[in-house]
N, C-alpha and C. Protein backbone atom coordinates (compact mmCIF):
# COMPACT_ATOMS: atom_id res chain seq x y z
N MET A 1 20.02 19.97 1.86
CA MET A 1 19.45 20.28 3.15
C MET A 1 19.26 18.97 3.93
N LYS A 2 19.60 18.97 5.17
CA LYS A 2 19.48 17.81 6.03
C LYS A 2 18.16 17.88 6.79
N TYR A 3 17.33 16.83 6.62
CA TYR A 3 16.04 16.76 7.29
C TYR A 3 16.14 15.88 8.54
N SER A 4 15.18 16.04 9.40
CA SER A 4 15.11 15.16 10.57
C SER A 4 14.80 13.74 10.11
N VAL A 5 15.04 12.78 10.97
CA VAL A 5 14.79 11.38 10.65
C VAL A 5 13.33 11.16 10.28
N GLU A 6 12.43 11.78 11.04
CA GLU A 6 11.00 11.62 10.80
C GLU A 6 10.59 12.15 9.42
N VAL A 7 11.11 13.30 9.06
CA VAL A 7 10.79 13.90 7.77
C VAL A 7 11.41 13.09 6.64
N GLU A 8 12.63 12.62 6.81
CA GLU A 8 13.29 11.78 5.80
C GLU A 8 12.50 10.50 5.55
N GLU A 9 12.01 9.90 6.62
CA GLU A 9 11.21 8.68 6.49
C GLU A 9 9.94 8.95 5.69
N LYS A 10 9.31 10.07 5.97
CA LYS A 10 8.08 10.42 5.26
C LYS A 10 8.37 10.71 3.78
N ILE A 11 9.45 11.39 3.49
CA ILE A 11 9.83 11.68 2.10
C ILE A 11 10.08 10.37 1.36
N THR A 12 10.79 9.45 1.98
CA THR A 12 11.06 8.15 1.37
C THR A 12 9.75 7.40 1.13
N TYR A 13 8.85 7.44 2.10
CA TYR A 13 7.55 6.78 1.96
C TYR A 13 6.79 7.33 0.75
N PHE A 14 6.73 8.67 0.63
CA PHE A 14 5.98 9.27 -0.48
C PHE A 14 6.65 9.00 -1.83
N LYS A 15 7.96 8.94 -1.88
CA LYS A 15 8.65 8.60 -3.13
C LYS A 15 8.29 7.18 -3.56
N THR A 16 8.24 6.27 -2.62
CA THR A 16 7.86 4.89 -2.91
C THR A 16 6.42 4.83 -3.39
N ARG A 17 5.52 5.52 -2.71
CA ARG A 17 4.11 5.54 -3.10
C ARG A 17 3.95 6.15 -4.50
N MET A 18 4.70 7.20 -4.80
CA MET A 18 4.60 7.85 -6.10
C MET A 18 5.02 6.87 -7.20
N ALA A 19 6.05 6.10 -6.96
CA ALA A 19 6.49 5.11 -7.95
C ALA A 19 5.40 4.06 -8.16
N GLU A 20 4.74 3.63 -7.09
CA GLU A 20 3.65 2.65 -7.20
C GLU A 20 2.49 3.22 -8.00
N VAL A 21 2.13 4.45 -7.76
CA VAL A 21 1.00 5.08 -8.45
C VAL A 21 1.32 5.26 -9.94
N LYS A 22 2.55 5.61 -10.26
CA LYS A 22 2.92 5.78 -11.67
C LYS A 22 2.74 4.49 -12.47
N LYS A 23 2.92 3.33 -11.83
CA LYS A 23 2.76 2.05 -12.51
C LYS A 23 1.31 1.82 -12.98
N THR A 24 0.37 2.49 -12.36
CA THR A 24 -1.05 2.27 -12.69
C THR A 24 -1.48 2.95 -13.98
N ASP A 25 -0.68 3.85 -14.53
CA ASP A 25 -1.10 4.68 -15.65
C ASP A 25 -1.58 3.89 -16.86
N VAL A 26 -0.87 2.84 -17.24
CA VAL A 26 -1.25 2.04 -18.41
C VAL A 26 -2.65 1.45 -18.20
N ASP A 27 -2.89 0.91 -17.01
CA ASP A 27 -4.19 0.29 -16.74
C ASP A 27 -5.30 1.32 -16.57
N VAL A 28 -4.99 2.48 -16.03
CA VAL A 28 -5.99 3.55 -15.93
C VAL A 28 -6.43 3.97 -17.33
N LYS A 29 -5.48 4.16 -18.22
CA LYS A 29 -5.81 4.55 -19.60
C LYS A 29 -6.66 3.49 -20.28
N LEU A 30 -6.35 2.20 -20.05
CA LEU A 30 -7.12 1.12 -20.65
C LEU A 30 -8.56 1.14 -20.13
N VAL A 31 -8.73 1.26 -18.82
CA VAL A 31 -10.08 1.28 -18.24
C VAL A 31 -10.87 2.47 -18.75
N LYS A 32 -10.24 3.64 -18.81
CA LYS A 32 -10.93 4.84 -19.29
C LYS A 32 -11.32 4.69 -20.76
N GLU A 33 -10.49 4.02 -21.55
CA GLU A 33 -10.79 3.79 -22.97
C GLU A 33 -11.98 2.83 -23.13
N LEU A 34 -11.99 1.75 -22.33
CA LEU A 34 -13.05 0.75 -22.44
C LEU A 34 -14.36 1.20 -21.80
N PHE A 35 -14.26 1.92 -20.68
CA PHE A 35 -15.44 2.31 -19.90
C PHE A 35 -15.31 3.76 -19.43
N PRO A 36 -15.55 4.71 -20.31
CA PRO A 36 -15.34 6.12 -19.96
C PRO A 36 -16.27 6.62 -18.85
N GLU A 37 -17.37 5.91 -18.58
CA GLU A 37 -18.34 6.39 -17.60
C GLU A 37 -18.06 5.95 -16.17
N VAL A 38 -17.09 5.07 -15.94
CA VAL A 38 -16.83 4.57 -14.58
C VAL A 38 -15.99 5.57 -13.78
N SER A 39 -16.07 5.42 -12.46
CA SER A 39 -15.23 6.22 -11.56
C SER A 39 -13.97 5.42 -11.26
N ILE A 40 -12.84 6.11 -11.27
CA ILE A 40 -11.55 5.45 -11.03
C ILE A 40 -10.80 6.21 -9.95
N TRP A 41 -10.19 5.47 -9.04
CA TRP A 41 -9.21 6.06 -8.13
C TRP A 41 -8.05 5.08 -8.02
N VAL A 42 -6.88 5.62 -7.78
CA VAL A 42 -5.68 4.80 -7.80
C VAL A 42 -4.92 4.89 -6.48
N ASP A 43 -4.30 3.80 -6.14
CA ASP A 43 -3.27 3.75 -5.12
C ASP A 43 -2.23 2.80 -5.71
N SER A 44 -2.00 1.64 -5.16
CA SER A 44 -1.08 0.71 -5.80
C SER A 44 -1.79 -0.16 -6.83
N GLU A 45 -3.12 -0.04 -6.91
CA GLU A 45 -3.91 -0.72 -7.92
C GLU A 45 -4.95 0.26 -8.47
N VAL A 46 -5.63 -0.14 -9.54
CA VAL A 46 -6.67 0.69 -10.14
C VAL A 46 -8.01 0.24 -9.58
N ASN A 47 -8.72 1.14 -8.95
CA ASN A 47 -10.02 0.83 -8.36
C ASN A 47 -11.11 1.41 -9.24
N VAL A 48 -12.00 0.53 -9.72
CA VAL A 48 -13.06 0.92 -10.63
C VAL A 48 -14.40 0.76 -9.92
N ASN A 49 -15.17 1.84 -9.90
CA ASN A 49 -16.49 1.80 -9.29
C ASN A 49 -17.49 2.29 -10.33
N PHE A 50 -18.64 1.63 -10.38
CA PHE A 50 -19.68 2.01 -11.34
C PHE A 50 -21.03 1.55 -10.81
N GLU A 51 -22.08 2.17 -11.29
CA GLU A 51 -23.43 1.77 -10.91
C GLU A 51 -23.86 0.61 -11.80
N ALA A 52 -24.28 -0.48 -11.16
CA ALA A 52 -24.72 -1.65 -11.91
C ALA A 52 -26.20 -1.90 -11.63
N ARG A 53 -26.91 -2.27 -12.67
CA ARG A 53 -28.34 -2.59 -12.52
C ARG A 53 -28.58 -4.09 -12.43
N SER A 54 -27.61 -4.88 -12.92
CA SER A 54 -27.78 -6.34 -12.90
C SER A 54 -26.42 -7.02 -12.98
N MET A 55 -26.42 -8.30 -12.65
CA MET A 55 -25.19 -9.09 -12.76
C MET A 55 -24.80 -9.24 -14.24
N THR A 56 -25.78 -9.21 -15.13
CA THR A 56 -25.50 -9.30 -16.57
C THR A 56 -24.60 -8.14 -16.99
N GLU A 57 -24.87 -6.96 -16.46
CA GLU A 57 -24.06 -5.78 -16.77
C GLU A 57 -22.60 -5.99 -16.33
N VAL A 58 -22.42 -6.56 -15.15
CA VAL A 58 -21.07 -6.84 -14.65
C VAL A 58 -20.40 -7.89 -15.53
N LYS A 59 -21.12 -8.95 -15.87
CA LYS A 59 -20.56 -10.01 -16.72
C LYS A 59 -20.15 -9.46 -18.08
N ASP A 60 -20.95 -8.55 -18.64
CA ASP A 60 -20.60 -7.93 -19.92
C ASP A 60 -19.29 -7.15 -19.82
N MET A 61 -19.12 -6.45 -18.70
CA MET A 61 -17.86 -5.71 -18.50
C MET A 61 -16.68 -6.68 -18.42
N LEU A 62 -16.87 -7.77 -17.68
CA LEU A 62 -15.79 -8.76 -17.55
C LEU A 62 -15.44 -9.37 -18.90
N LYS A 63 -16.43 -9.58 -19.76
CA LYS A 63 -16.17 -10.10 -21.11
C LYS A 63 -15.35 -9.11 -21.94
N ILE A 64 -15.68 -7.83 -21.82
CA ILE A 64 -14.92 -6.80 -22.54
C ILE A 64 -13.48 -6.77 -22.04
N PHE A 65 -13.30 -6.85 -20.73
CA PHE A 65 -11.94 -6.91 -20.18
C PHE A 65 -11.21 -8.14 -20.73
N ALA A 66 -11.88 -9.30 -20.74
CA ALA A 66 -11.24 -10.54 -21.21
C ALA A 66 -10.81 -10.43 -22.67
N ARG A 67 -11.65 -9.79 -23.50
CA ARG A 67 -11.28 -9.60 -24.91
C ARG A 67 -10.03 -8.73 -25.03
N ASN A 68 -9.76 -7.93 -24.00
CA ASN A 68 -8.57 -7.08 -24.00
C ASN A 68 -7.45 -7.67 -23.14
N LYS A 69 -7.53 -8.98 -22.90
CA LYS A 69 -6.50 -9.74 -22.19
C LYS A 69 -6.33 -9.32 -20.72
N VAL A 70 -7.42 -8.84 -20.12
CA VAL A 70 -7.44 -8.52 -18.70
C VAL A 70 -8.39 -9.53 -18.07
N LEU A 71 -7.80 -10.52 -17.37
CA LEU A 71 -8.58 -11.65 -16.89
C LEU A 71 -8.76 -11.61 -15.37
N ILE A 72 -9.76 -12.33 -14.90
CA ILE A 72 -10.03 -12.40 -13.46
C ILE A 72 -8.89 -13.12 -12.76
N GLU A 73 -8.39 -12.49 -11.72
CA GLU A 73 -7.33 -13.07 -10.89
C GLU A 73 -7.91 -13.62 -9.59
N GLU A 74 -8.92 -12.92 -9.07
CA GLU A 74 -9.53 -13.31 -7.79
C GLU A 74 -10.95 -12.75 -7.73
N PHE A 75 -11.82 -13.50 -7.10
CA PHE A 75 -13.19 -13.04 -6.89
C PHE A 75 -13.49 -13.12 -5.40
N VAL A 76 -13.95 -12.02 -4.83
CA VAL A 76 -14.32 -11.98 -3.43
C VAL A 76 -15.84 -12.02 -3.37
N GLU A 77 -16.35 -13.19 -3.04
CA GLU A 77 -17.79 -13.37 -2.99
C GLU A 77 -18.35 -12.66 -1.76
N SER A 78 -19.48 -12.02 -1.95
CA SER A 78 -20.14 -11.31 -0.86
C SER A 78 -21.63 -11.28 -1.12
N GLN A 79 -22.40 -11.34 -0.06
CA GLN A 79 -23.85 -11.26 -0.21
C GLN A 79 -24.30 -9.87 -0.64
N SER A 80 -23.50 -8.85 -0.32
CA SER A 80 -23.94 -7.49 -0.62
C SER A 80 -22.97 -6.70 -1.49
N CYS A 81 -21.70 -7.09 -1.53
CA CYS A 81 -20.72 -6.29 -2.27
C CYS A 81 -19.64 -7.18 -2.89
N PRO A 82 -19.97 -7.95 -3.92
CA PRO A 82 -18.94 -8.78 -4.56
C PRO A 82 -17.89 -7.90 -5.25
N ILE A 83 -16.64 -8.37 -5.25
CA ILE A 83 -15.54 -7.62 -5.86
C ILE A 83 -14.73 -8.57 -6.74
N TRP A 84 -14.40 -8.09 -7.93
CA TRP A 84 -13.55 -8.84 -8.84
C TRP A 84 -12.20 -8.15 -8.91
N PHE A 85 -11.12 -8.94 -8.81
CA PHE A 85 -9.77 -8.44 -9.00
C PHE A 85 -9.27 -9.00 -10.32
N LEU A 86 -8.82 -8.11 -11.20
CA LEU A 86 -8.37 -8.49 -12.53
C LEU A 86 -6.88 -8.27 -12.66
N LYS A 87 -6.24 -9.10 -13.46
CA LYS A 87 -4.81 -8.94 -13.71
C LYS A 87 -4.64 -7.96 -14.85
N GLY A 88 -4.33 -6.72 -14.52
CA GLY A 88 -4.14 -5.68 -15.53
C GLY A 88 -2.82 -5.85 -16.24
N ARG A 89 -2.49 -4.89 -17.08
CA ARG A 89 -1.23 -4.98 -17.84
C ARG A 89 -0.02 -4.75 -16.93
N LYS A 90 -0.16 -3.83 -15.97
CA LYS A 90 0.95 -3.52 -15.05
C LYS A 90 0.58 -3.78 -13.60
N VAL A 91 -0.67 -3.52 -13.24
CA VAL A 91 -1.11 -3.66 -11.85
C VAL A 91 -2.47 -4.36 -11.81
N ARG A 92 -2.91 -4.63 -10.62
CA ARG A 92 -4.21 -5.26 -10.42
C ARG A 92 -5.33 -4.22 -10.54
N ILE A 93 -6.46 -4.64 -11.13
CA ILE A 93 -7.63 -3.78 -11.28
C ILE A 93 -8.71 -4.34 -10.37
N ARG A 94 -9.26 -3.49 -9.53
CA ARG A 94 -10.31 -3.88 -8.59
C ARG A 94 -11.65 -3.37 -9.12
N LEU A 95 -12.55 -4.27 -9.44
CA LEU A 95 -13.85 -3.93 -10.01
C LEU A 95 -14.91 -4.09 -8.93
N ALA A 96 -15.52 -2.97 -8.51
CA ALA A 96 -16.49 -2.99 -7.41
C ALA A 96 -17.75 -2.24 -7.82
N PRO A 97 -18.79 -2.96 -8.23
CA PRO A 97 -20.03 -2.29 -8.62
C PRO A 97 -20.81 -1.77 -7.41
N THR A 98 -21.52 -0.66 -7.63
CA THR A 98 -22.47 -0.14 -6.67
C THR A 98 -23.84 -0.43 -7.25
N TRP A 99 -24.68 -1.11 -6.49
CA TRP A 99 -25.97 -1.54 -7.02
C TRP A 99 -26.97 -0.42 -6.94
N THR A 100 -27.63 -0.14 -8.06
CA THR A 100 -28.62 0.94 -8.12
C THR A 100 -29.92 0.48 -7.47
N THR A 101 -30.80 1.42 -7.22
CA THR A 101 -32.05 1.12 -6.54
C THR A 101 -33.12 0.69 -7.54
N ASP A 102 -34.21 0.13 -7.05
CA ASP A 102 -35.31 -0.29 -7.91
C ASP A 102 -35.90 0.87 -8.68
N ALA A 103 -35.91 2.07 -8.09
CA ALA A 103 -36.45 3.25 -8.76
C ALA A 103 -35.68 3.54 -10.05
N ASP A 104 -34.42 3.08 -10.11
CA ASP A 104 -33.60 3.27 -11.29
C ASP A 104 -33.78 2.15 -12.31
N GLY A 105 -34.71 1.23 -12.05
CA GLY A 105 -34.92 0.11 -12.97
C GLY A 105 -33.94 -1.02 -12.76
N ALA A 106 -33.37 -1.12 -11.58
CA ALA A 106 -32.37 -2.15 -11.32
C ALA A 106 -33.02 -3.52 -11.17
N THR A 107 -32.29 -4.55 -11.58
CA THR A 107 -32.73 -5.91 -11.32
C THR A 107 -31.97 -6.49 -10.14
N CYS A 108 -30.97 -5.80 -9.64
CA CYS A 108 -30.25 -6.19 -8.42
C CYS A 108 -30.53 -5.13 -7.37
N ARG A 109 -30.72 -5.58 -6.16
CA ARG A 109 -30.93 -4.63 -5.08
C ARG A 109 -30.46 -5.24 -3.77
N LEU A 110 -30.15 -4.40 -2.80
CA LEU A 110 -29.79 -4.88 -1.47
C LEU A 110 -31.08 -5.00 -0.67
N VAL A 111 -31.27 -6.16 -0.06
CA VAL A 111 -32.46 -6.43 0.72
C VAL A 111 -32.04 -6.66 2.17
N LYS A 112 -32.67 -5.95 3.09
CA LYS A 112 -32.36 -6.10 4.50
C LYS A 112 -32.85 -7.47 4.96
N VAL A 113 -31.95 -8.27 5.55
CA VAL A 113 -32.31 -9.62 5.96
C VAL A 113 -32.17 -9.82 7.47
N GLY A 114 -31.80 -8.78 8.21
CA GLY A 114 -31.66 -8.91 9.66
C GLY A 114 -30.76 -7.85 10.23
N GLU A 115 -30.41 -8.02 11.48
CA GLU A 115 -29.48 -7.10 12.15
C GLU A 115 -28.55 -7.92 13.02
N ASN A 116 -27.32 -7.41 13.20
CA ASN A 116 -26.41 -8.12 14.08
C ASN A 116 -26.58 -7.60 15.51
N THR A 117 -25.76 -8.06 16.41
CA THR A 117 -25.94 -7.72 17.83
C THR A 117 -25.78 -6.25 18.14
N TYR A 118 -25.18 -5.50 17.24
CA TYR A 118 -24.99 -4.06 17.46
C TYR A 118 -26.01 -3.24 16.70
N SER A 119 -27.09 -3.85 16.28
CA SER A 119 -28.18 -3.19 15.55
C SER A 119 -27.75 -2.60 14.21
N THR A 120 -26.76 -3.22 13.59
CA THR A 120 -26.36 -2.81 12.25
C THR A 120 -27.14 -3.66 11.25
N PRO A 121 -27.82 -3.05 10.31
CA PRO A 121 -28.59 -3.84 9.34
C PRO A 121 -27.69 -4.78 8.53
N ILE A 122 -28.20 -5.94 8.23
CA ILE A 122 -27.50 -6.92 7.40
C ILE A 122 -28.25 -6.98 6.08
N TYR A 123 -27.52 -6.82 4.97
CA TYR A 123 -28.13 -6.81 3.65
C TYR A 123 -27.66 -7.98 2.82
N LYS A 124 -28.45 -8.36 1.86
CA LYS A 124 -28.10 -9.41 0.92
C LYS A 124 -28.40 -8.89 -0.48
N LEU A 125 -27.52 -9.17 -1.43
CA LEU A 125 -27.72 -8.74 -2.81
C LEU A 125 -28.67 -9.72 -3.51
N VAL A 126 -29.77 -9.21 -4.07
CA VAL A 126 -30.75 -10.02 -4.76
C VAL A 126 -30.84 -9.53 -6.21
N CYS A 127 -30.68 -10.45 -7.16
CA CYS A 127 -30.72 -10.11 -8.59
C CYS A 127 -31.80 -10.89 -9.29
N ASP A 128 -32.60 -10.18 -10.06
CA ASP A 128 -33.65 -10.80 -10.87
C ASP A 128 -34.52 -11.76 -10.07
N GLY A 129 -34.84 -11.37 -8.83
CA GLY A 129 -35.70 -12.20 -8.00
C GLY A 129 -35.00 -13.36 -7.32
N LYS A 130 -33.70 -13.52 -7.56
CA LYS A 130 -32.93 -14.61 -6.95
C LYS A 130 -31.76 -13.99 -6.20
N GLU A 131 -31.25 -14.73 -5.20
CA GLU A 131 -30.07 -14.25 -4.49
C GLU A 131 -28.88 -14.32 -5.44
N ALA A 132 -28.02 -13.30 -5.35
CA ALA A 132 -26.83 -13.28 -6.21
C ALA A 132 -25.76 -14.19 -5.65
């Protein structure tokens, strides 16, 4: 069947995306084996989200990854949402913790430190009484 140019382009795009997503399977299985409680979503990389109570918890996860030969490739420092990119077996793994609240016994929390010109609150991540 002959498709229009627009439809053919979209089909080609989705075939390419499907091939990229299939590459993530090895790393998805590894993450699920090491950390069955985390949330995972995939695109061209494996995105891992989990609730963290402290930086120690994140460091412990990074140590477990390192013991399995998954090392830090890049760190994106942020006052409120630090992200670690790890070199997985086939693709990159993006580790992005969500900080729990004090009511949950967290030692890290987001603290409002001001607002920008558009009245959007500005937060800073504070761990164990110190800035992260």
